[in-house]
Every structure is written in structure tokens, then in C-alpha cells.
């Protein structure tokens, strides 16, 4: 099924307007609603849990299949380098080199 360019353009406009309205509603409601400190902390923690879960699933799975041990080892190396407070470039390069080396050696 092929879509015409007008459908694609309308989809982009709808997504852009929806994003703008969500951002505006957050700004607008921030002045009208008050949250307890406990609830603010709970919202911040839930966002961190959501991002952590997304990172774990992207590490372990690629589409519907297991990613392989090389990707997991690469992510583990990146975590160690980040924990040791290396620069972002060094973290990315180390993870990339370890993962590429393991895949070159035949690990899945």
C-alpha cells in the first residue's frame, strides 16, 4: 500500500501539533497544579525506571531475537568506563571496539 505525499505531510503536521500541545499543557498546568515533594520524587524515579528498562531491553534483544553476548559485553564495558568517569567519546569507542572485536572473532 502506497501513501501519497499529502498523507505523510498531514501525519507530520499532526505529530508536530500533538508534541507542541503536550509541551504547552505541561507549561500551562505547572502553574495551576501543585504536587507534594513525595509525588515529584516518584515521577522522577518512574522516568528513570522507564529509561533503564528501555536500555536493558535494547541491550538484550534486537527485534524479537537475543542480541548476543558480544553486545552485552560491549555494554558492560561501556558501563565500567562510564563508572570510572571516562569521557563520552572514550566510553563509546571502547564499547564499539570490544563489540566489533568479539563479533569479528565469531561471538554472536
PDB file of N, CA and C in Angstrom:
ATOM      1  N   UNK A   1       0.850  -1.171   0.000  1.00  0.00           N
ATOM      2  CA  UNK A   1       0.000   0.000   0.000  1.00  0.00           C
ATOM      3  C   UNK A   1       0.898   1.237   0.000  1.00  0.00           C
ATOM      4  N   UNK A   2       0.692   2.085  -0.956  1.00  0.00           N
ATOM      5  CA  UNK A   2       1.487   3.299  -1.057  1.00  0.00           C
ATOM      6  C   UNK A   2       0.663   4.482  -0.572  1.00  0.00           C
ATOM      7  N   UNK A   3       1.331   5.330   0.169  1.00  0.00           N
ATOM      8  CA  UNK A   3       0.680   6.540   0.667  1.00  0.00           C
ATOM      9  C   UNK A   3       1.129   7.719  -0.183  1.00  0.00           C
ATOM     10  N   UNK A   4       0.222   8.631  -0.387  1.00  0.00           N
ATOM     11  CA  UNK A   4       0.609   9.819  -1.135  1.00  0.00           C
ATOM     12  C   UNK A   4       1.367  10.767  -0.223  1.00  0.00           C
ATOM     13  N   UNK A   5       2.024  11.698  -0.816  1.00  0.00           N
ATOM     14  CA  UNK A   5       2.824  12.652  -0.059  1.00  0.00           C
ATOM     15  C   UNK A   5       1.956  13.514   0.853  1.00  0.00           C
ATOM     16  N   UNK A   6       0.713  13.735   0.483  1.00  0.00           N
ATOM     17  CA  UNK A   6      -0.157  14.557   1.326  1.00  0.00           C
ATOM     18  C   UNK A   6      -0.479  13.851   2.638  1.00  0.00           C
ATOM     19  N   UNK A   7      -0.661  12.525   2.623  1.00  0.00           N
ATOM     20  CA  UNK A   7      -0.903  11.794   3.859  1.00  0.00           C
ATOM     21  C   UNK A   7       0.310  11.858   4.781  1.00  0.00           C
ATOM     22  N   UNK A   8       1.484  11.733   4.222  1.00  0.00           N
ATOM     23  CA  UNK A   8       2.707  11.814   5.013  1.00  0.00           C
ATOM     24  C   UNK A   8       2.843  13.207   5.618  1.00  0.00           C
ATOM     25  N   UNK A   9       2.568  14.237   4.826  1.00  0.00           N
ATOM     26  CA  UNK A   9       2.655  15.608   5.324  1.00  0.00           C
ATOM     27  C   UNK A   9       1.641  15.848   6.448  1.00  0.00           C
ATOM     28  N   UNK A  10       0.419  15.360   6.280  1.00  0.00           N
ATOM     29  CA  UNK A  10      -0.602  15.515   7.313  1.00  0.00           C
ATOM     30  C   UNK A  10      -0.175  14.792   8.585  1.00  0.00           C
ATOM     31  N   UNK A  11       0.408  13.618   8.450  1.00  0.00           N
ATOM     32  CA  UNK A  11       0.895  12.885   9.614  1.00  0.00           C
ATOM     33  C   UNK A  11       1.975  13.646  10.368  1.00  0.00           C
ATOM     34  N   UNK A  12       2.884  14.260   9.631  1.00  0.00           N
ATOM     35  CA  UNK A  12       3.944  15.053  10.257  1.00  0.00           C
ATOM     36  C   UNK A  12       3.354  16.250  10.987  1.00  0.00           C
ATOM     37  N   UNK A  13       2.398  16.922  10.370  1.00  0.00           N
ATOM     38  CA  UNK A  13       1.772  18.096  10.996  1.00  0.00           C
ATOM     39  C   UNK A  13       1.017  17.695  12.259  1.00  0.00           C
ATOM     40  N   UNK A  14       0.285  16.586  12.208  1.00  0.00           N
ATOM     41  CA  UNK A  14      -0.466  16.132  13.387  1.00  0.00           C
ATOM     42  C   UNK A  14       0.485  15.787  14.527  1.00  0.00           C
ATOM     43  N   UNK A  15       1.572  15.084  14.222  1.00  0.00           N
ATOM     44  CA  UNK A  15       2.546  14.753  15.261  1.00  0.00           C
ATOM     45  C   UNK A  15       3.207  16.011  15.832  1.00  0.00           C
ATOM     46  N   UNK A  16       3.516  16.978  14.982  1.00  0.00           N
ATOM     47  CA  UNK A  16       4.134  18.216  15.451  1.00  0.00           C
ATOM     48  C   UNK A  16       3.178  18.992  16.351  1.00  0.00           C
ATOM     49  N   UNK A  17       1.923  19.083  15.943  1.00  0.00           N
ATOM     50  CA  UNK A  17       0.937  19.793  16.776  1.00  0.00           C
ATOM     51  C   UNK A  17       0.704  19.071  18.098  1.00  0.00           C
ATOM     52  N   UNK A  18       0.632  17.750  18.051  1.00  0.00           N
ATOM     53  CA  UNK A  18       0.449  16.987  19.282  1.00  0.00           C
ATOM     54  C   UNK A  18       1.609  17.177  20.239  1.00  0.00           C
ATOM     55  N   UNK A  19       2.827  17.173  19.709  1.00  0.00           N
ATOM     56  CA  UNK A  19       4.001  17.395  20.551  1.00  0.00           C
ATOM     57  C   UNK A  19       3.974  18.794  21.161  1.00  0.00           C
ATOM     58  N   UNK A  20       3.630  19.788  20.358  1.00  0.00           N
ATOM     59  CA  UNK A  20       3.557  21.153  20.853  1.00  0.00           C
ATOM     60  C   UNK A  20       2.493  21.278  21.940  1.00  0.00           C
ATOM     61  N   UNK A  21       1.325  20.669  21.737  1.00  0.00           N
ATOM     62  CA  UNK A  21       0.250  20.759  22.725  1.00  0.00           C
ATOM     63  C   UNK A  21       0.622  20.066  24.025  1.00  0.00           C
ATOM     64  N   UNK A  22       1.313  18.943  23.938  1.00  0.00           N
ATOM     65  CA  UNK A  22       1.750  18.264  25.157  1.00  0.00           C
ATOM     66  C   UNK A  22       2.736  19.140  25.923  1.00  0.00           C
ATOM     67  N   UNK A  23       3.669  19.742  25.217  1.00  0.00           N
ATOM     68  CA  UNK A  23       4.634  20.625  25.889  1.00  0.00           C
ATOM     69  C   UNK A  23       3.944  21.856  26.479  1.00  0.00           C
ATOM     70  N   UNK A  24       3.013  22.431  25.735  1.00  0.00           N
ATOM     71  CA  UNK A  24       2.305  23.611  26.228  1.00  0.00           C
ATOM     72  C   UNK A  24       1.437  23.260  27.429  1.00  0.00           C
ATOM     73  N   UNK A  25       0.791  22.111  27.411  1.00  0.00           N
ATOM     74  CA  UNK A  25      -0.058  21.743  28.541  1.00  0.00           C
ATOM     75  C   UNK A  25       0.772  21.544  29.793  1.00  0.00           C
ATOM     76  N   UNK A  26       1.984  21.015  29.665  1.00  0.00           N
ATOM     77  CA  UNK A  26       2.858  20.883  30.834  1.00  0.00           C
ATOM     78  C   UNK A  26       3.222  22.238  31.404  1.00  0.00           C
ATOM     79  N   UNK A  27       3.541  23.176  30.538  1.00  0.00           N
ATOM     80  CA  UNK A  27       3.878  24.526  30.989  1.00  0.00           C
ATOM     81  C   UNK A  27       2.656  25.218  31.602  1.00  0.00           C
ATOM     82  N   UNK A  28       1.501  25.038  30.977  1.00  0.00           N
ATOM     83  CA  UNK A  28       0.273  25.679  31.433  1.00  0.00           C
ATOM     84  C   UNK A  28      -0.200  25.096  32.764  1.00  0.00           C
ATOM     85  N   UNK A  29      -0.134  23.792  32.897  1.00  0.00           N
ATOM     86  CA  UNK A  29      -0.614  23.153  34.124  1.00  0.00           C
ATOM     87  C   UNK A  29       0.369  23.274  35.281  1.00  0.00           C
ATOM     88  N   UNK A  30       1.620  23.555  35.000  1.00  0.00           N
ATOM     89  CA  UNK A  30       2.606  23.671  36.073  1.00  0.00           C
ATOM     90  C   UNK A  30       2.258  24.812  37.020  1.00  0.00           C
ATOM     91  N   UNK A  31       1.645  25.855  36.516  1.00  0.00           N
ATOM     92  CA  UNK A  31       1.269  26.986  37.359  1.00  0.00           C
ATOM     93  C   UNK A  31      -0.056  26.760  38.080  1.00  0.00           C
ATOM     94  N   UNK A  32      -0.838  25.805  37.652  1.00  0.00           N
ATOM     95  CA  UNK A  32      -2.167  25.586  38.210  1.00  0.00           C
ATOM     96  C   UNK A  32      -2.246  24.413  39.170  1.00  0.00           C
ATOM     97  N   UNK A  33      -1.311  23.487  39.081  1.00  0.00           N
ATOM     98  CA  UNK A  33      -1.338  22.293  39.927  1.00  0.00           C
ATOM     99  C   UNK A  33      -0.132  22.284  40.846  1.00  0.00           C
ATOM    100  N   UNK A  34      -0.331  21.769  42.029  1.00  0.00           N
ATOM    101  CA  UNK A  34       0.788  21.618  42.961  1.00  0.00           C
ATOM    102  C   UNK A  34       0.906  20.143  43.328  1.00  0.00           C
ATOM    103  N   UNK A  35       2.127  19.702  43.431  1.00  0.00           N
ATOM    104  CA  UNK A  35       2.416  18.332  43.809  1.00  0.00           C
ATOM    105  C   UNK A  35       3.200  18.346  45.111  1.00  0.00           C
ATOM    106  N   UNK A  36       2.976  17.322  45.910  1.00  0.00           N
ATOM    107  CA  UNK A  36       3.796  17.147  47.101  1.00  0.00           C
ATOM    108  C   UNK A  36       5.183  16.705  46.663  1.00  0.00           C
ATOM    109  N   UNK A  37       6.148  16.950  47.530  1.00  0.00           N
ATOM    110  CA  UNK A  37       7.531  16.608  47.206  1.00  0.00           C
ATOM    111  C   UNK A  37       7.679  15.103  46.957  1.00  0.00           C
ATOM    112  N   UNK A  38       6.939  14.314  47.709  1.00  0.00           N
ATOM    113  CA  UNK A  38       6.978  12.863  47.544  1.00  0.00           C
ATOM    114  C   UNK A  38       6.523  12.468  46.134  1.00  0.00           C
ATOM    115  N   UNK A  39       5.489  13.106  45.637  1.00  0.00           N
ATOM    116  CA  UNK A  39       4.982  12.787  44.302  1.00  0.00           C
ATOM    117  C   UNK A  39       5.940  13.254  43.206  1.00  0.00           C
ATOM    118  N   UNK A  40       6.579  14.381  43.409  1.00  0.00           N
ATOM    119  CA  UNK A  40       7.576  14.838  42.441  1.00  0.00           C
ATOM    120  C   UNK A  40       8.731  13.844  42.342  1.00  0.00           C
ATOM    121  N   UNK A  41       9.181  13.354  43.491  1.00  0.00           N
ATOM    122  CA  UNK A  41      10.263  12.368  43.510  1.00  0.00           C
ATOM    123  C   UNK A  41       9.820  11.059  42.860  1.00  0.00           C
ATOM    124  N   UNK A  42       8.572  10.678  43.094  1.00  0.00           N
ATOM    125  CA  UNK A  42       8.035   9.462  42.491  1.00  0.00           C
ATOM    126  C   UNK A  42       7.982   9.572  40.967  1.00  0.00           C
ATOM    127  N   UNK A  43       7.592  10.719  40.440  1.00  0.00           N
ATOM    128  CA  UNK A  43       7.572  10.930  38.992  1.00  0.00           C
ATOM    129  C   UNK A  43       8.978  10.894  38.394  1.00  0.00           C
ATOM    130  N   UNK A  44       9.935  11.513  39.092  1.00  0.00           N
ATOM    131  CA  UNK A  44      11.315  11.492  38.607  1.00  0.00           C
ATOM    132  C   UNK A  44      11.869  10.069  38.617  1.00  0.00           C
ATOM    133  N   UNK A  45      11.573   9.314  39.677  1.00  0.00           N
ATOM    134  CA  UNK A  45      12.048   7.936  39.746  1.00  0.00           C
ATOM    135  C   UNK A  45      11.402   7.064  38.679  1.00  0.00           C
ATOM    136  N   UNK A  46      10.133   7.296  38.410  1.00  0.00           N
ATOM    137  CA  UNK A  46       9.459   6.485  37.393  1.00  0.00           C
ATOM    138  C   UNK A  46      10.045   6.747  36.009  1.00  0.00           C
ATOM    139  N   UNK A  47      10.435   7.966  35.726  1.00  0.00           N
ATOM    140  CA  UNK A  47      11.079   8.268  34.445  1.00  0.00           C
ATOM    141  C   UNK A  47      12.423   7.551  34.342  1.00  0.00           C
ATOM    142  N   UNK A  48      13.182   7.520  35.424  1.00  0.00           N
ATOM    143  CA  UNK A  48      14.469   6.807  35.416  1.00  0.00           C
ATOM    144  C   UNK A  48      14.269   5.310  35.233  1.00  0.00           C
ATOM    145  N   UNK A  49      13.264   4.747  35.882  1.00  0.00           N
ATOM    146  CA  UNK A  49      12.984   3.315  35.737  1.00  0.00           C
ATOM    147  C   UNK A  49      12.582   2.996  34.301  1.00  0.00           C
ATOM    148  N   UNK A  50      11.783   3.853  33.707  1.00  0.00           N
ATOM    149  CA  UNK A  50      11.362   3.639  32.321  1.00  0.00           C
ATOM    150  C   UNK A  50      12.568   3.665  31.376  1.00  0.00           C
ATOM    151  N   UNK A  51      13.456   4.625  31.530  1.00  0.00           N
ATOM    152  CA  UNK A  51      14.642   4.703  30.673  1.00  0.00           C
ATOM    153  C   UNK A  51      15.578   3.521  30.907  1.00  0.00           C
ATOM    154  N   UNK A  52      15.714   3.098  32.162  1.00  0.00           N
ATOM    155  CA  UNK A  52      16.566   1.949  32.474  1.00  0.00           C
ATOM    156  C   UNK A  52      16.012   0.676  31.836  1.00  0.00           C
ATOM    157  N   UNK A  53      14.709   0.487  31.920  1.00  0.00           N
ATOM    158  CA  UNK A  53      14.071  -0.680  31.321  1.00  0.00           C
ATOM    159  C   UNK A  53      14.249  -0.685  29.810  1.00  0.00           C
ATOM    160  N   UNK A  54      14.101   0.461  29.193  1.00  0.00           N
ATOM    161  CA  UNK A  54      14.302   0.575  27.756  1.00  0.00           C
ATOM    162  C   UNK A  54      15.742   0.223  27.383  1.00  0.00           C
ATOM    163  N   UNK A  55      16.704   0.693  28.159  1.00  0.00           N
ATOM    164  CA  UNK A  55      18.110   0.391  27.885  1.00  0.00           C
ATOM    165  C   UNK A  55      18.400  -1.101  28.034  1.00  0.00           C
ATOM    166  N   UNK A  56      17.825  -1.732  29.051  1.00  0.00           N
ATOM    167  CA  UNK A  56      18.058  -3.166  29.257  1.00  0.00           C
ATOM    168  C   UNK A  56      17.472  -3.982  28.111  1.00  0.00           C
ATOM    169  N   UNK A  57      16.252  -3.672  27.715  1.00  0.00           N
ATOM    170  CA  UNK A  57      15.644  -4.434  26.627  1.00  0.00           C
ATOM    171  C   UNK A  57      16.365  -4.211  25.303  1.00  0.00           C
ATOM    172  N   UNK A  58      16.852  -3.000  25.046  1.00  0.00           N
ATOM    173  CA  UNK A  58      17.607  -2.759  23.822  1.00  0.00           C
ATOM    174  C   UNK A  58      18.968  -3.440  23.851  1.00  0.00           C
ATOM    175  N   UNK A  59      19.498  -3.671  25.044  1.00  0.00           N
ATOM    176  CA  UNK A  59      20.763  -4.392  25.158  1.00  0.00           C
ATOM    177  C   UNK A  59      20.559  -5.883  24.919  1.00  0.00           C
ATOM    178  N   UNK A  60      19.514  -6.440  25.491  1.00  0.00           N
ATOM    179  CA  UNK A  60      19.320  -7.884  25.431  1.00  0.00           C
ATOM    180  C   UNK A  60      18.678  -8.368  24.138  1.00  0.00           C
ATOM    181  N   UNK A  61      17.852  -7.548  23.520  1.00  0.00           N
ATOM    182  CA  UNK A  61      17.106  -8.006  22.346  1.00  0.00           C
ATOM    183  C   UNK A  61      17.309  -7.075  21.160  1.00  0.00           C
ATOM    184  N   UNK A  62      17.344  -7.691  19.989  1.00  0.00           N
ATOM    185  CA  UNK A  62      17.358  -6.961  18.738  1.00  0.00           C
ATOM    186  C   UNK A  62      16.160  -7.465  17.950  1.00  0.00           C
ATOM    187  N   UNK A  63      15.159  -6.632  17.803  1.00  0.00           N
ATOM    188  CA  UNK A  63      13.856  -7.017  17.268  1.00  0.00           C
ATOM    189  C   UNK A  63      13.267  -8.084  18.181  1.00  0.00           C
ATOM    190  N   UNK A  64      13.067  -9.306  17.690  1.00  0.00           N
ATOM    191  CA  UNK A  64      12.459 -10.351  18.514  1.00  0.00           C
ATOM    192  C   UNK A  64      13.476 -11.407  18.934  1.00  0.00           C
ATOM    193  N   UNK A  65      14.754 -11.158  18.675  1.00  0.00           N
ATOM    194  CA  UNK A  65      15.780 -12.153  18.930  1.00  0.00           C
ATOM    195  C   UNK A  65      16.783 -11.652  19.965  1.00  0.00           C
ATOM    196  N   UNK A  66      17.456 -12.605  20.599  1.00  0.00           N
ATOM    197  CA  UNK A  66      18.510 -12.284  21.556  1.00  0.00           C
ATOM    198  C   UNK A  66      19.667 -11.601  20.830  1.00  0.00           C
ATOM    199  N   UNK A  67      20.207 -10.544  21.411  1.00  0.00           N
ATOM    200  CA  UNK A  67      21.244  -9.756  20.735  1.00  0.00           C
ATOM    201  C   UNK A  67      22.574 -10.475  20.614  1.00  0.00           C
ATOM    202  N   UNK A  68      22.884 -11.311  21.550  1.00  0.00           N
ATOM    203  CA  UNK A  68      24.179 -11.982  21.526  1.00  0.00           C
ATOM    204  C   UNK A  68      25.066 -11.475  22.639  1.00  0.00           C
ATOM    205  N   UNK A  69      26.041 -12.289  22.962  1.00  0.00           N
ATOM    206  CA  UNK A  69      26.909 -11.988  24.093  1.00  0.00           C
ATOM    207  C   UNK A  69      27.840 -10.809  23.801  1.00  0.00           C
ATOM    208  N   UNK A  70      28.184 -10.590  22.540  1.00  0.00           N
ATOM    209  CA  UNK A  70      29.123  -9.505  22.221  1.00  0.00           C
ATOM    210  C   UNK A  70      28.524  -8.132  22.555  1.00  0.00           C
ATOM    211  N   UNK A  71      27.238  -7.946  22.291  1.00  0.00           N
ATOM    212  CA  UNK A  71      26.601  -6.666  22.604  1.00  0.00           C
ATOM    213  C   UNK A  71      26.508  -6.453  24.106  1.00  0.00           C
ATOM    214  N   UNK A  72      26.223  -7.525  24.847  1.00  0.00           N
ATOM    215  CA  UNK A  72      26.124  -7.422  26.301  1.00  0.00           C
ATOM    216  C   UNK A  72      27.483  -7.086  26.910  1.00  0.00           C
ATOM    217  N   UNK A  73      28.537  -7.725  26.413  1.00  0.00           N
ATOM    218  CA  UNK A  73      29.889  -7.427  26.913  1.00  0.00           C
ATOM    219  C   UNK A  73      30.274  -5.991  26.558  1.00  0.00           C
ATOM    220  N   UNK A  74      29.923  -5.536  25.359  1.00  0.00           N
ATOM    221  CA  UNK A  74      30.206  -4.153  24.972  1.00  0.00           C
ATOM    222  C   UNK A  74      29.508  -3.142  25.868  1.00  0.00           C
ATOM    223  N   UNK A  75      28.256  -3.407  26.203  1.00  0.00           N
ATOM    224  CA  UNK A  75      27.525  -2.515  27.110  1.00  0.00           C
ATOM    225  C   UNK A  75      28.127  -2.556  28.505  1.00  0.00           C
ATOM    226  N   UNK A  76      28.545  -3.745  28.954  1.00  0.00           N
ATOM    227  CA  UNK A  76      29.178  -3.856  30.275  1.00  0.00           C
ATOM    228  C   UNK A  76      30.482  -3.064  30.327  1.00  0.00           C
ATOM    229  N   UNK A  77      31.251  -3.131  29.258  1.00  0.00           N
ATOM    230  CA  UNK A  77      32.495  -2.344  29.195  1.00  0.00           C
ATOM    231  C   UNK A  77      32.175  -0.853  29.217  1.00  0.00           C
ATOM    232  N   UNK A  78      31.141  -0.449  28.492  1.00  0.00           N
ATOM    233  CA  UNK A  78      30.742   0.960  28.497  1.00  0.00           C
ATOM    234  C   UNK A  78      30.317   1.402  29.895  1.00  0.00           C
ATOM    235  N   UNK A  79      29.591   0.557  30.600  1.00  0.00           N
ATOM    236  CA  UNK A  79      29.191   0.904  31.974  1.00  0.00           C
ATOM    237  C   UNK A  79      30.399   1.053  32.891  1.00  0.00           C
ATOM    238  N   UNK A  80      31.371   0.174  32.741  1.00  0.00           N
ATOM    239  CA  UNK A  80      32.580   0.265  33.577  1.00  0.00           C
ATOM    240  C   UNK A  80      33.344   1.547  33.258  1.00  0.00           C
ATOM    241  N   UNK A  81      33.492   1.862  31.986  1.00  0.00           N
ATOM    242  CA  UNK A  81      34.204   3.084  31.606  1.00  0.00           C
ATOM    243  C   UNK A  81      33.452   4.332  32.089  1.00  0.00           C
ATOM    244  N   UNK A  82      32.127   4.308  31.999  1.00  0.00           N
ATOM    245  CA  UNK A  82      31.346   5.446  32.481  1.00  0.00           C
ATOM    246  C   UNK A  82      31.446   5.570  33.988  1.00  0.00           C
ATOM    247  N   UNK A  83      31.455   4.441  34.689  1.00  0.00           N
ATOM    248  CA  UNK A  83      31.576   4.453  36.146  1.00  0.00           C
ATOM    249  C   UNK A  83      32.934   5.018  36.573  1.00  0.00           C
ATOM    250  N   UNK A  84      33.973   4.736  35.781  1.00  0.00           N
ATOM    251  CA  UNK A  84      35.312   5.267  36.059  1.00  0.00           C
ATOM    252  C   UNK A  84      35.471   6.709  35.582  1.00  0.00           C
ATOM    253  N   UNK A  85      34.392   7.296  35.051  1.00  0.00           N
ATOM    254  CA  UNK A  85      34.314   8.700  34.644  1.00  0.00           C
ATOM    255  C   UNK A  85      35.243   9.054  33.481  1.00  0.00           C
ATOM    256  N   UNK A  86      35.309   8.145  32.498  1.00  0.00           N
ATOM    257  CA  UNK A  86      35.985   8.464  31.254  1.00  0.00           C
ATOM    258  C   UNK A  86      35.081   9.380  30.436  1.00  0.00           C
ATOM    259  N   UNK A  87      35.653  10.028  29.438  1.00  0.00           N
ATOM    260  CA  UNK A  87      34.850  10.906  28.590  1.00  0.00           C
ATOM    261  C   UNK A  87      33.877  10.068  27.752  1.00  0.00           C
ATOM    262  N   UNK A  88      32.833  10.718  27.272  1.00  0.00           N
ATOM    263  CA  UNK A  88      31.803  10.020  26.500  1.00  0.00           C
ATOM    264  C   UNK A  88      32.387   9.386  25.251  1.00  0.00           C
ATOM    265  N   UNK A  89      33.309  10.082  24.596  1.00  0.00           N
ATOM    266  CA  UNK A  89      33.933   9.542  23.387  1.00  0.00           C
ATOM    267  C   UNK A  89      34.693   8.258  23.705  1.00  0.00           C
ATOM    268  N   UNK A  90      35.413   8.240  24.816  1.00  0.00           N
ATOM    269  CA  UNK A  90      36.163   7.041  25.204  1.00  0.00           C
ATOM    270  C   UNK A  90      35.224   5.891  25.538  1.00  0.00           C
ATOM    271  N   UNK A  91      34.112   6.177  26.196  1.00  0.00           N
ATOM    272  CA  UNK A  91      33.136   5.144  26.538  1.00  0.00           C
ATOM    273  C   UNK A  91      32.571   4.523  25.268  1.00  0.00           C
ATOM    274  N   UNK A  92      32.179   5.363  24.318  1.00  0.00           N
ATOM    275  CA  UNK A  92      31.597   4.872  23.068  1.00  0.00           C
ATOM    276  C   UNK A  92      32.621   4.083  22.267  1.00  0.00           C
ATOM    277  N   UNK A  93      33.836   4.603  22.156  1.00  0.00           N
ATOM    278  CA  UNK A  93      34.869   3.910  21.391  1.00  0.00           C
ATOM    279  C   UNK A  93      35.238   2.569  22.010  1.00  0.00           C
ATOM    280  N   UNK A  94      35.349   2.510  23.330  1.00  0.00           N
ATOM    281  CA  UNK A  94      35.692   1.248  23.995  1.00  0.00           C
ATOM    282  C   UNK A  94      34.600   0.206  23.769  1.00  0.00           C
ATOM    283  N   UNK A  95      33.355   0.606  23.944  1.00  0.00           N
ATOM    284  CA  UNK A  95      32.250  -0.332  23.737  1.00  0.00           C
ATOM    285  C   UNK A  95      32.193  -0.790  22.290  1.00  0.00           C
ATOM    286  N   UNK A  96      32.401   0.127  21.373  1.00  0.00           N
ATOM    287  CA  UNK A  96      32.360  -0.210  19.958  1.00  0.00           C
ATOM    288  C   UNK A  96      33.489  -1.172  19.592  1.00  0.00           C
ATOM    289  N   UNK A  97      34.679  -0.901  20.069  1.00  0.00           N
ATOM    290  CA  UNK A  97      35.820  -1.758  19.742  1.00  0.00           C
ATOM    291  C   UNK A  97      35.681  -3.152  20.341  1.00  0.00           C
ATOM    292  N   UNK A  98      35.227  -3.240  21.568  1.00  0.00           N
ATOM    293  CA  UNK A  98      35.040  -4.550  22.205  1.00  0.00           C
ATOM    294  C   UNK A  98      33.970  -5.351  21.465  1.00  0.00           C
ATOM    295  N   UNK A  99      32.842  -4.711  21.172  1.00  0.00           N
ATOM    296  CA  UNK A  99      31.754  -5.398  20.476  1.00  0.00           C
ATOM    297  C   UNK A  99      32.191  -5.838  19.082  1.00  0.00           C
ATOM    298  N   UNK A 100      32.855  -4.967  18.352  1.00  0.00           N
ATOM    299  CA  UNK A 100      33.307  -5.306  16.999  1.00  0.00           C
ATOM    300  C   UNK A 100      34.353  -6.418  17.026  1.00  0.00           C
ATOM    301  N   UNK A 101      35.247  -6.379  17.988  1.00  0.00           N
ATOM    302  CA  UNK A 101      36.269  -7.418  18.100  1.00  0.00           C
ATOM    303  C   UNK A 101      35.649  -8.770  18.401  1.00  0.00           C
ATOM    304  N   UNK A 102      34.712  -8.792  19.337  1.00  0.00           N
ATOM    305  CA  UNK A 102      34.052 -10.055  19.670  1.00  0.00           C
ATOM    306  C   UNK A 102      33.261 -10.597  18.482  1.00  0.00           C
ATOM    307  N   UNK A 103      32.612  -9.745  17.741  1.00  0.00           N
ATOM    308  CA  UNK A 103      31.855 -10.208  16.566  1.00  0.00           C
ATOM    309  C   UNK A 103      32.808 -10.680  15.467  1.00  0.00           C
ATOM    310  N   UNK A 104      33.943 -10.032  15.343  1.00  0.00           N
ATOM    311  CA  UNK A 104      34.942 -10.471  14.362  1.00  0.00           C
ATOM    312  C   UNK A 104      35.496 -11.848  14.723  1.00  0.00           C
ATOM    313  N   UNK A 105      35.646 -12.111  16.027  1.00  0.00           N
ATOM    314  CA  UNK A 105      36.154 -13.395  16.481  1.00  0.00           C
ATOM    315  C   UNK A 105      35.108 -14.502  16.430  1.00  0.00           C
ATOM    316  N   UNK A 106      33.883 -14.157  16.106  1.00  0.00           N
ATOM    317  CA  UNK A 106      32.876 -15.174  15.897  1.00  0.00           C
ATOM    318  C   UNK A 106      31.844 -15.313  16.991  1.00  0.00           C
ATOM    319  N   UNK A 107      31.899 -14.463  17.988  1.00  0.00           N
ATOM    320  CA  UNK A 107      30.859 -14.496  19.019  1.00  0.00           C
ATOM    321  C   UNK A 107      29.584 -13.853  18.474  1.00  0.00           C
ATOM    322  N   UNK A 108      28.452 -14.404  18.848  1.00  0.00           N
ATOM    323  CA  UNK A 108      27.193 -13.815  18.314  1.00  0.00           C
ATOM    324  C   UNK A 108      26.888 -12.463  18.902  1.00  0.00           C
TER     325      UNK A 108
END
